[in-house]
Amino acid sequence: VWSGHGQLPSARMPSKARPGPAPAASEGRAVSFAWLLDKLVDTRNAGPVNVPETVVFSKGKPKALFHMNNSGQLACLRHPLQLQLGELERGLLRIVRARRKSGAQRTEEMGFNNEGPEEQAGQPPQEVALMVYRDGVAKPLSEEQFVRIMNDRPTALHNVWKDVETLQARFWETPECLEFTHDFEAGSTKPIYDGLGNARGTNVFSTMDARNLVAAVPLKVAAYLREHHKVELLSGHFEFVRDWHHQFWLVHASRLRIGRRAPPGVLAAR
């Protein structure tokens, strides 16, 4: 009923705990990653960024599935029949396996050693999903853990989903894929470069170009919000991965603050 678009990333987030909420800011109001995804859904135009399949939860139940459609647009499924845990389990695993197969072919073309964890003794199993809780803690899941959790049906006394904010497909495990972070502040004059993750298999010029591209994404997001929703993006911490085909994907955003009007002047840098 839904399928992935394009090929996906391969990198590892810097830690299991995402950046926590920043101290209360004097301007704008805080919004969530789920809020941002909802505003970026557009099935008529290509949006400003690619997003991996991401399930948003509310009160312990799947509320929406955000995914890239075959036309490269961010779409959203909300029908309860499409959000059943069994359906999500099958769909996410199918996409992860297909994209890893595509990535393996690309890896072979690039001449990288493509031995998977199953061929390397002592290596942990590959992660297929990332579960993010409302307190910002992120829990990577192997395929075995993912299948077990997806089949752990909630009860009145036990609900593994009650504190979950998002569940995201995760298929980046190879060294030729990179991760980046960027702190955006409207009107800021600070350097755009911020936080490079795994830089294996690239040269410094490729890395600099990638950082420039990453820094441009929040600007595109801000312009899209301003044009389509009359909202000004004031600040945010953005996390990206670059895949085998040099496509960039927004995997998370935190510390997001918005306002109804453009900020007057330059915001103070953190």
C-alpha atoms as a PDB file:
ATOM      1  CA  VAL A   1       0.000   0.000   0.000  1.00  0.00           C
ATOM      2  CA  TRP A   2       3.016   2.307   0.319  1.00  0.00           C
ATOM      3  CA  SER A   3       6.545   2.118  -0.972  1.00  0.00           C
ATOM      4  CA  GLY A   4       9.864   3.850  -0.628  1.00  0.00           C
ATOM      5  CA  HIS A   5      11.366   6.345  -3.033  1.00  0.00           C
ATOM      6  CA  GLY A   6      14.953   6.438  -4.194  1.00  0.00           C
ATOM      7  CA  GLN A   7      17.889   4.961  -2.292  1.00  0.00           C
ATOM      8  CA  LEU A   8      18.657   5.727   1.332  1.00  0.00           C
ATOM      9  CA  PRO A   9      21.474   6.669   3.691  1.00  0.00           C
ATOM     10  CA  SER A  10      24.012   4.795   5.655  1.00  0.00           C
ATOM     11  CA  ALA A  11      25.465   6.330   8.780  1.00  0.00           C
ATOM     12  CA  ARG A  12      25.238   6.054  12.511  1.00  0.00           C
ATOM     13  CA  MET A  13      23.848   8.767  14.763  1.00  0.00           C
ATOM     14  CA  PRO A  14      26.424  10.186  17.188  1.00  0.00           C
ATOM     15  CA  SER A  15      24.735   8.827  20.312  1.00  0.00           C
ATOM     16  CA  LYS A  16      21.605   7.128  21.574  1.00  0.00           C
ATOM     17  CA  ALA A  17      20.461  10.329  23.249  1.00  0.00           C
ATOM     18  CA  ARG A  18      19.390  13.143  20.974  1.00  0.00           C
ATOM     19  CA  PRO A  19      19.934  16.775  21.946  1.00  0.00           C
ATOM     20  CA  GLY A  20      17.512  17.659  24.710  1.00  0.00           C
ATOM     21  CA  PRO A  21      15.229  20.675  24.712  1.00  0.00           C
ATOM     22  CA  ALA A  22      17.095  23.977  24.794  1.00  0.00           C
ATOM     23  CA  PRO A  23      16.360  26.452  27.557  1.00  0.00           C
ATOM     24  CA  ALA A  24      13.204  28.441  26.993  1.00  0.00           C
ATOM     25  CA  ALA A  25      13.791  31.023  24.303  1.00  0.00           C
ATOM     26  CA  SER A  26      12.388  34.507  24.430  1.00  0.00           C
ATOM     27  CA  GLU A  27      11.130  34.388  20.854  1.00  0.00           C
ATOM     28  CA  GLY A  28       8.629  32.128  19.145  1.00  0.00           C
ATOM     29  CA  ARG A  29       7.173  28.851  20.331  1.00  0.00           C
ATOM     30  CA  ALA A  30       8.580  25.347  20.397  1.00  0.00           C
ATOM     31  CA  VAL A  31       7.328  22.749  17.908  1.00  0.00           C
ATOM     32  CA  SER A  32       8.160  19.093  17.344  1.00  0.00           C
ATOM     33  CA  PHE A  33       9.665  17.115  14.486  1.00  0.00           C
ATOM     34  CA  ALA A  34       6.191  15.642  13.882  1.00  0.00           C
ATOM     35  CA  TRP A  35       4.810  19.172  13.506  1.00  0.00           C
ATOM     36  CA  LEU A  36       7.482  19.981  10.938  1.00  0.00           C
ATOM     37  CA  LEU A  37       6.809  16.834   8.919  1.00  0.00           C
ATOM     38  CA  ASP A  38       3.095  17.579   8.863  1.00  0.00           C
ATOM     39  CA  LYS A  39       3.766  21.067   7.478  1.00  0.00           C
ATOM     40  CA  LEU A  40       6.142  19.761   4.802  1.00  0.00           C
ATOM     41  CA  VAL A  41       3.650  17.280   3.329  1.00  0.00           C
ATOM     42  CA  ASP A  42       2.963  18.342  -0.259  1.00  0.00           C
ATOM     43  CA  THR A  43       1.759  15.921  -2.935  1.00  0.00           C
ATOM     44  CA  ARG A  44       1.675  18.632  -5.602  1.00  0.00           C
ATOM     45  CA  ASN A  45       5.237  19.921  -5.428  1.00  0.00           C
ATOM     46  CA  ALA A  46       8.615  18.450  -4.583  1.00  0.00           C
ATOM     47  CA  GLY A  47       9.410  19.526  -1.043  1.00  0.00           C
ATOM     48  CA  PRO A  48      12.647  21.014   0.289  1.00  0.00           C
ATOM     49  CA  VAL A  49      14.006  17.763   1.742  1.00  0.00           C
ATOM     50  CA  ASN A  50      13.824  13.949   1.650  1.00  0.00           C
ATOM     51  CA  VAL A  51      12.592  12.173   4.790  1.00  0.00           C
ATOM     52  CA  PRO A  52      12.941   8.442   5.625  1.00  0.00           C
ATOM     53  CA  GLU A  53       9.743   6.548   6.444  1.00  0.00           C
ATOM     54  CA  THR A  54       8.723   7.900   9.840  1.00  0.00           C
ATOM     55  CA  VAL A  55       5.781   6.765  11.966  1.00  0.00           C
ATOM     56  CA  VAL A  56       4.474   9.346  14.443  1.00  0.00           C
ATOM     57  CA  PHE A  57       2.767   8.097  17.609  1.00  0.00           C
ATOM     58  CA  SER A  58       0.143   9.770  19.769  1.00  0.00           C
ATOM     59  CA  LYS A  59      -1.063   8.336  23.078  1.00  0.00           C
ATOM     60  CA  GLY A  60       0.632   5.029  22.355  1.00  0.00           C
ATOM     61  CA  LYS A  61      -0.877   4.533  18.880  1.00  0.00           C
ATOM     62  CA  PRO A  62       0.425   5.160  15.359  1.00  0.00           C
ATOM     63  CA  LYS A  63      -1.054   8.444  14.173  1.00  0.00           C
ATOM     64  CA  ALA A  64       0.647   9.047  10.826  1.00  0.00           C
ATOM     65  CA  LEU A  65       3.224   7.591   8.464  1.00  0.00           C
ATOM     66  CA  PHE A  66       5.351  10.087   6.552  1.00  0.00           C
ATOM     67  CA  HIS A  67       7.128   8.780   3.454  1.00  0.00           C
ATOM     68  CA  MET A  68       8.480   9.884   0.087  1.00  0.00           C
ATOM     69  CA  ASN A  69       6.164   8.887  -2.737  1.00  0.00           C
ATOM     70  CA  ASN A  70       7.294   7.730  -6.171  1.00  0.00           C
ATOM     71  CA  SER A  71       7.271  11.320  -7.435  1.00  0.00           C
ATOM     72  CA  GLY A  72       9.717  12.485  -4.777  1.00  0.00           C
ATOM     73  CA  GLN A  73       7.115  14.301  -2.677  1.00  0.00           C
ATOM     74  CA  LEU A  74       6.606  13.957   1.058  1.00  0.00           C
ATOM     75  CA  ALA A  75       3.284  12.190   1.598  1.00  0.00           C
ATOM     76  CA  CYS A  76       1.385  11.062   4.683  1.00  0.00           C
ATOM     77  CA  LEU A  77      -0.851   8.085   5.446  1.00  0.00           C
ATOM     78  CA  ARG A  78      -3.379   8.426   8.266  1.00  0.00           C
ATOM     79  CA  HIS A  79      -5.936   5.689   7.653  1.00  0.00           C
ATOM     80  CA  PRO A  80      -6.046   3.266  10.623  1.00  0.00           C
ATOM     81  CA  LEU A  81      -5.904   0.213   8.341  1.00  0.00           C
ATOM     82  CA  GLN A  82      -2.610   1.448   6.896  1.00  0.00           C
ATOM     83  CA  LEU A  83      -1.189   2.099  10.363  1.00  0.00           C
ATOM     84  CA  GLN A  84      -1.714  -1.307  11.932  1.00  0.00           C
ATOM     85  CA  LEU A  85       1.468  -2.602  13.537  1.00  0.00           C
ATOM     86  CA  GLY A  86       1.561  -5.685  11.327  1.00  0.00           C
ATOM     87  CA  GLU A  87       1.260  -3.578   8.189  1.00  0.00           C
ATOM     88  CA  LEU A  88       3.969  -1.199   9.396  1.00  0.00           C
ATOM     89  CA  GLU A  89       6.277  -4.083  10.275  1.00  0.00           C
ATOM     90  CA  ARG A  90       6.019  -5.638   6.814  1.00  0.00           C
ATOM     91  CA  GLY A  91       6.303  -2.329   4.990  1.00  0.00           C
ATOM     92  CA  LEU A  92       9.292  -0.973   6.904  1.00  0.00           C
ATOM     93  CA  LEU A  93      11.240  -4.228   6.653  1.00  0.00           C
ATOM     94  CA  ARG A  94      10.525  -4.464   2.923  1.00  0.00           C
ATOM     95  CA  ILE A  95      11.859  -0.940   2.387  1.00  0.00           C
ATOM     96  CA  VAL A  96      14.938  -1.429   4.560  1.00  0.00           C
ATOM     97  CA  ARG A  97      15.885  -4.643   2.742  1.00  0.00           C
ATOM     98  CA  ALA A  98      15.306  -3.149  -0.712  1.00  0.00           C
ATOM     99  CA  ARG A  99      17.366  -0.055  -0.003  1.00  0.00           C
ATOM    100  CA  ARG A 100      20.184  -2.018   1.571  1.00  0.00           C
ATOM    101  CA  LYS A 101      20.292  -4.195  -1.528  1.00  0.00           C
ATOM    102  CA  SER A 102      20.504  -1.083  -3.685  1.00  0.00           C
ATOM    103  CA  GLY A 103      23.180   0.320  -1.392  1.00  0.00           C
ATOM    104  CA  ALA A 104      25.183  -2.912  -1.567  1.00  0.00           C
ATOM    105  CA  GLN A 105      25.167  -2.718  -5.354  1.00  0.00           C
ATOM    106  CA  ARG A 106      26.352   0.864  -5.218  1.00  0.00           C
ATOM    107  CA  THR A 107      29.012  -0.056  -2.660  1.00  0.00           C
ATOM    108  CA  GLU A 108      30.311  -2.774  -4.953  1.00  0.00           C
ATOM    109  CA  GLU A 109      30.440  -0.329  -7.863  1.00  0.00           C
ATOM    110  CA  MET A 110      32.453   2.101  -5.727  1.00  0.00           C
ATOM    111  CA  GLY A 111      34.932  -0.620  -4.756  1.00  0.00           C
ATOM    112  CA  PHE A 112      34.207  -0.666  -1.027  1.00  0.00           C
ATOM    113  CA  ASN A 113      34.380  -3.807   1.067  1.00  0.00           C
ATOM    114  CA  ASN A 114      30.732  -4.735   1.487  1.00  0.00           C
ATOM    115  CA  GLU A 115      30.884  -7.464   4.095  1.00  0.00           C
ATOM    116  CA  GLY A 116      27.765  -7.148   6.183  1.00  0.00           C
ATOM    117  CA  PRO A 117      27.678  -7.680   9.959  1.00  0.00           C
ATOM    118  CA  GLU A 118      26.434 -11.216   9.405  1.00  0.00           C
ATOM    119  CA  GLU A 119      29.740 -12.015   7.667  1.00  0.00           C
ATOM    120  CA  GLN A 120      31.839 -10.369  10.383  1.00  0.00           C
ATOM    121  CA  ALA A 121      32.237 -12.426  13.518  1.00  0.00           C
ATOM    122  CA  GLY A 122      31.577 -10.518  16.688  1.00  0.00           C
ATOM    123  CA  GLN A 123      29.829  -7.613  14.955  1.00  0.00           C
ATOM    124  CA  PRO A 124      26.403  -6.517  16.240  1.00  0.00           C
ATOM    125  CA  PRO A 125      23.378  -7.093  13.980  1.00  0.00           C
ATOM    126  CA  GLN A 126      22.358  -4.305  11.656  1.00  0.00           C
ATOM    127  CA  GLU A 127      19.784  -1.830  12.844  1.00  0.00           C
ATOM    128  CA  VAL A 128      16.531  -1.604  10.901  1.00  0.00           C
ATOM    129  CA  ALA A 129      14.648   1.049  12.892  1.00  0.00           C
ATOM    130  CA  LEU A 130      15.119   3.848  15.373  1.00  0.00           C
ATOM    131  CA  MET A 131      12.589   4.409  18.149  1.00  0.00           C
ATOM    132  CA  VAL A 132      12.623   7.927  19.620  1.00  0.00           C
ATOM    133  CA  TYR A 133      10.925   8.608  22.953  1.00  0.00           C
ATOM    134  CA  ARG A 134       9.305  11.860  24.017  1.00  0.00           C
ATOM    135  CA  ASP A 135      12.189  12.631  26.364  1.00  0.00           C
ATOM    136  CA  GLY A 136      14.591  12.623  23.389  1.00  0.00           C
ATOM    137  CA  VAL A 137      16.201   9.238  24.054  1.00  0.00           C
ATOM    138  CA  ALA A 138      16.699   7.229  20.853  1.00  0.00           C
ATOM    139  CA  LYS A 139      16.752   3.413  20.809  1.00  0.00           C
ATOM    140  CA  PRO A 140      18.205   1.643  17.726  1.00  0.00           C
ATOM    141  CA  LEU A 141      16.516  -1.678  16.938  1.00  0.00           C
ATOM    142  CA  SER A 142      17.951  -4.729  15.230  1.00  0.00           C
ATOM    143  CA  GLU A 143      15.592  -6.699  13.004  1.00  0.00           C
ATOM    144  CA  GLU A 144      15.011  -9.244  15.783  1.00  0.00           C
ATOM    145  CA  GLN A 145      14.219  -6.511  18.315  1.00  0.00           C
ATOM    146  CA  PHE A 146      12.030  -4.674  15.823  1.00  0.00           C
ATOM    147  CA  VAL A 147       9.941  -7.751  15.004  1.00  0.00           C
ATOM    148  CA  ARG A 148       9.543  -8.596  18.685  1.00  0.00           C
ATOM    149  CA  ILE A 149       8.392  -5.092  19.605  1.00  0.00           C
ATOM    150  CA  MET A 150       6.020  -4.838  16.649  1.00  0.00           C
ATOM    151  CA  ASN A 151       4.352  -8.040  17.815  1.00  0.00           C
ATOM    152  CA  ASP A 152       4.164  -6.928  21.456  1.00  0.00           C
ATOM    153  CA  ARG A 153       0.526  -5.895  21.551  1.00  0.00           C
ATOM    154  CA  PRO A 154      -0.315  -3.178  24.106  1.00  0.00           C
ATOM    155  CA  THR A 155      -2.552  -3.917  27.080  1.00  0.00           C
ATOM    156  CA  ALA A 156      -4.025  -1.785  29.854  1.00  0.00           C
ATOM    157  CA  LEU A 157      -1.043  -2.624  32.084  1.00  0.00           C
ATOM    158  CA  HIS A 158       1.700  -2.843  29.463  1.00  0.00           C
ATOM    159  CA  ASN A 159       2.133  -0.554  26.469  1.00  0.00           C
ATOM    160  CA  VAL A 160       5.604  -0.366  24.951  1.00  0.00           C
ATOM    161  CA  TRP A 161       4.430   2.509  22.747  1.00  0.00           C
ATOM    162  CA  LYS A 162       3.019   4.853  25.382  1.00  0.00           C
ATOM    163  CA  ASP A 163       6.109   7.100  25.534  1.00  0.00           C
ATOM    164  CA  VAL A 164       7.209   6.707  21.902  1.00  0.00           C
ATOM    165  CA  GLU A 165       7.232   9.783  19.672  1.00  0.00           C
ATOM    166  CA  THR A 166       8.491   8.361  16.369  1.00  0.00           C
ATOM    167  CA  LEU A 167       9.576   5.098  14.760  1.00  0.00           C
ATOM    168  CA  GLN A 168      11.806   5.491  11.717  1.00  0.00           C
ATOM    169  CA  ALA A 169      13.161   3.115   9.098  1.00  0.00           C
ATOM    170  CA  ARG A 170      16.936   2.851   9.443  1.00  0.00           C
ATOM    171  CA  PHE A 171      19.030   1.388   6.644  1.00  0.00           C
ATOM    172  CA  TRP A 172      22.354   3.206   6.672  1.00  0.00           C
ATOM    173  CA  GLU A 173      25.164   0.947   7.842  1.00  0.00           C
ATOM    174  CA  THR A 174      28.004   1.313   5.370  1.00  0.00           C
ATOM    175  CA  PRO A 175      31.083   3.579   5.589  1.00  0.00           C
ATOM    176  CA  GLU A 176      30.486   5.486   2.362  1.00  0.00           C
ATOM    177  CA  CYS A 177      27.409   7.169   3.843  1.00  0.00           C
ATOM    178  CA  LEU A 178      27.823  10.230   6.033  1.00  0.00           C
ATOM    179  CA  GLU A 179      25.940  11.961   8.819  1.00  0.00           C
ATOM    180  CA  PHE A 180      25.775  15.680   9.445  1.00  0.00           C
ATOM    181  CA  THR A 181      24.174  18.062  11.903  1.00  0.00           C
ATOM    182  CA  HIS A 182      23.426  21.737  11.480  1.00  0.00           C
ATOM    183  CA  ASP A 183      22.182  24.356  13.952  1.00  0.00           C
ATOM    184  CA  PHE A 184      19.991  26.869  12.184  1.00  0.00           C
ATOM    185  CA  GLU A 185      19.193  30.349  13.448  1.00  0.00           C
ATOM    186  CA  ALA A 186      17.319  32.861  11.326  1.00  0.00           C
ATOM    187  CA  GLY A 187      19.546  35.805  10.530  1.00  0.00           C
ATOM    188  CA  SER A 188      22.617  34.267  12.154  1.00  0.00           C
ATOM    189  CA  THR A 189      26.034  35.175  10.787  1.00  0.00           C
ATOM    190  CA  LYS A 190      27.907  32.294  12.435  1.00  0.00           C
ATOM    191  CA  PRO A 191      29.751  29.751  10.213  1.00  0.00           C
ATOM    192  CA  ILE A 192      27.512  27.279   8.460  1.00  0.00           C
ATOM    193  CA  TYR A 193      29.731  24.260   9.168  1.00  0.00           C
ATOM    194  CA  ASP A 194      28.636  22.276  12.171  1.00  0.00           C
ATOM    195  CA  GLY A 195      29.265  18.675  13.164  1.00  0.00           C
ATOM    196  CA  LEU A 196      30.410  16.062  10.672  1.00  0.00           C
ATOM    197  CA  GLY A 197      29.873  12.425  11.555  1.00  0.00           C
ATOM    198  CA  ASN A 198      31.560   9.523   9.750  1.00  0.00           C
ATOM    199  CA  ALA A 199      33.815  10.894   7.018  1.00  0.00           C
ATOM    200  CA  ARG A 200      35.192   7.620   5.749  1.00  0.00           C
ATOM    201  CA  GLY A 201      35.590   7.275   2.009  1.00  0.00           C
ATOM    202  CA  THR A 202      35.451  10.999   1.183  1.00  0.00           C
ATOM    203  CA  ASN A 203      37.926  13.809   0.687  1.00  0.00           C
ATOM    204  CA  VAL A 204      37.902  17.192   2.376  1.00  0.00           C
ATOM    205  CA  PHE A 205      36.405  18.991  -0.628  1.00  0.00           C
ATOM    206  CA  SER A 206      33.525  16.544  -0.866  1.00  0.00           C
ATOM    207  CA  THR A 207      32.918  17.005   2.852  1.00  0.00           C
ATOM    208  CA  MET A 208      32.903  20.804   2.561  1.00  0.00           C
ATOM    209  CA  ASP A 209      30.465  20.670  -0.352  1.00  0.00           C
ATOM    210  CA  ALA A 210      28.215  18.344   1.627  1.00  0.00           C
ATOM    211  CA  ARG A 211      28.213  20.697   4.606  1.00  0.00           C
ATOM    212  CA  ASN A 212      27.240  23.569   2.365  1.00  0.00           C
ATOM    213  CA  LEU A 213      24.339  21.538   0.989  1.00  0.00           C
ATOM    214  CA  VAL A 214      23.253  20.550   4.493  1.00  0.00           C
ATOM    215  CA  ALA A 215      23.306  24.166   5.649  1.00  0.00           C
ATOM    216  CA  ALA A 216      21.064  25.106   2.721  1.00  0.00           C
ATOM    217  CA  VAL A 217      18.286  22.671   3.679  1.00  0.00           C
ATOM    218  CA  PRO A 218      16.991  24.570   6.752  1.00  0.00           C
ATOM    219  CA  LEU A 219      16.943  27.710   4.611  1.00  0.00           C
ATOM    220  CA  LYS A 220      14.767  25.903   2.074  1.00  0.00           C
ATOM    221  CA  VAL A 221      12.551  24.577   4.868  1.00  0.00           C
ATOM    222  CA  ALA A 222      12.211  28.092   6.288  1.00  0.00           C
ATOM    223  CA  ALA A 223      11.283  29.485   2.874  1.00  0.00           C
ATOM    224  CA  TYR A 224       8.708  26.727   2.368  1.00  0.00           C
ATOM    225  CA  LEU A 225       7.087  27.357   5.768  1.00  0.00           C
ATOM    226  CA  ARG A 226       7.028  31.082   5.113  1.00  0.00           C
ATOM    227  CA  GLU A 227       5.442  30.723   1.667  1.00  0.00           C
ATOM    228  CA  HIS A 228       2.931  27.944   2.342  1.00  0.00           C
ATOM    229  CA  HIS A 229       2.081  28.358   6.030  1.00  0.00           C
ATOM    230  CA  LYS A 230       2.936  32.006   6.834  1.00  0.00           C
ATOM    231  CA  VAL A 231       5.234  30.754   9.585  1.00  0.00           C
ATOM    232  CA  GLU A 232       8.785  31.844  10.264  1.00  0.00           C
ATOM    233  CA  LEU A 233      11.333  29.228  11.283  1.00  0.00           C
ATOM    234  CA  LEU A 234      13.479  30.883  13.950  1.00  0.00           C
ATOM    235  CA  SER A 235      15.853  28.109  14.982  1.00  0.00           C
ATOM    236  CA  GLY A 236      16.403  24.378  15.069  1.00  0.00           C
ATOM    237  CA  HIS A 237      18.905  21.521  15.294  1.00  0.00           C
ATOM    238  CA  PHE A 238      18.814  19.406  12.115  1.00  0.00           C
ATOM    239  CA  GLU A 239      20.248  15.899  11.603  1.00  0.00           C
ATOM    240  CA  PHE A 240      20.980  14.472   8.170  1.00  0.00           C
ATOM    241  CA  VAL A 241      22.490  11.477   6.444  1.00  0.00           C
ATOM    242  CA  ARG A 242      23.914  11.360   2.933  1.00  0.00           C
ATOM    243  CA  ASP A 243      23.329   8.076   1.153  1.00  0.00           C
ATOM    244  CA  TRP A 244      25.296   6.037  -1.372  1.00  0.00           C
ATOM    245  CA  HIS A 245      23.885   8.163  -4.212  1.00  0.00           C
ATOM    246  CA  HIS A 246      24.724  11.463  -2.462  1.00  0.00           C
ATOM    247  CA  GLN A 247      21.089  12.166  -1.654  1.00  0.00           C
ATOM    248  CA  PHE A 248      20.498  13.969   1.632  1.00  0.00           C
ATOM    249  CA  TRP A 249      17.799  12.874   4.067  1.00  0.00           C
ATOM    250  CA  LEU A 250      16.464  14.706   7.100  1.00  0.00           C
ATOM    251  CA  VAL A 251      16.297  12.091   9.859  1.00  0.00           C
ATOM    252  CA  HIS A 252      15.401  14.350  12.780  1.00  0.00           C
ATOM    253  CA  ALA A 253      14.993  17.931  13.925  1.00  0.00           C
ATOM    254  CA  SER A 254      14.872  19.227  17.482  1.00  0.00           C
ATOM    255  CA  ARG A 255      14.895  22.523  19.380  1.00  0.00           C
ATOM    256  CA  LEU A 256      12.581  23.915  16.696  1.00  0.00           C
ATOM    257  CA  ARG A 257      11.089  27.333  17.308  1.00  0.00           C
ATOM    258  CA  ILE A 258       8.707  29.232  15.063  1.00  0.00           C
ATOM    259  CA  GLY A 259       7.088  32.649  14.930  1.00  0.00           C
ATOM    260  CA  ARG A 260       4.394  34.335  12.897  1.00  0.00           C
ATOM    261  CA  ARG A 261       6.682  37.075  11.645  1.00  0.00           C
ATOM    262  CA  ALA A 262      10.294  37.214  10.597  1.00  0.00           C
ATOM    263  CA  PRO A 263      12.599  37.869  13.555  1.00  0.00           C
ATOM    264  CA  PRO A 264      13.761  41.494  13.854  1.00  0.00           C
ATOM    265  CA  GLY A 265      17.490  41.388  13.181  1.00  0.00           C
ATOM    266  CA  VAL A 266      19.997  38.741  13.959  1.00  0.00           C
ATOM    267  CA  LEU A 267      19.211  36.195  16.664  1.00  0.00           C
ATOM    268  CA  ALA A 268      21.863  35.645  19.290  1.00  0.00           C
ATOM    269  CA  ALA A 269      24.017  32.621  18.592  1.00  0.00           C
ATOM    270  CA  ARG A 270      24.024  29.778  21.017  1.00  0.00           C
END
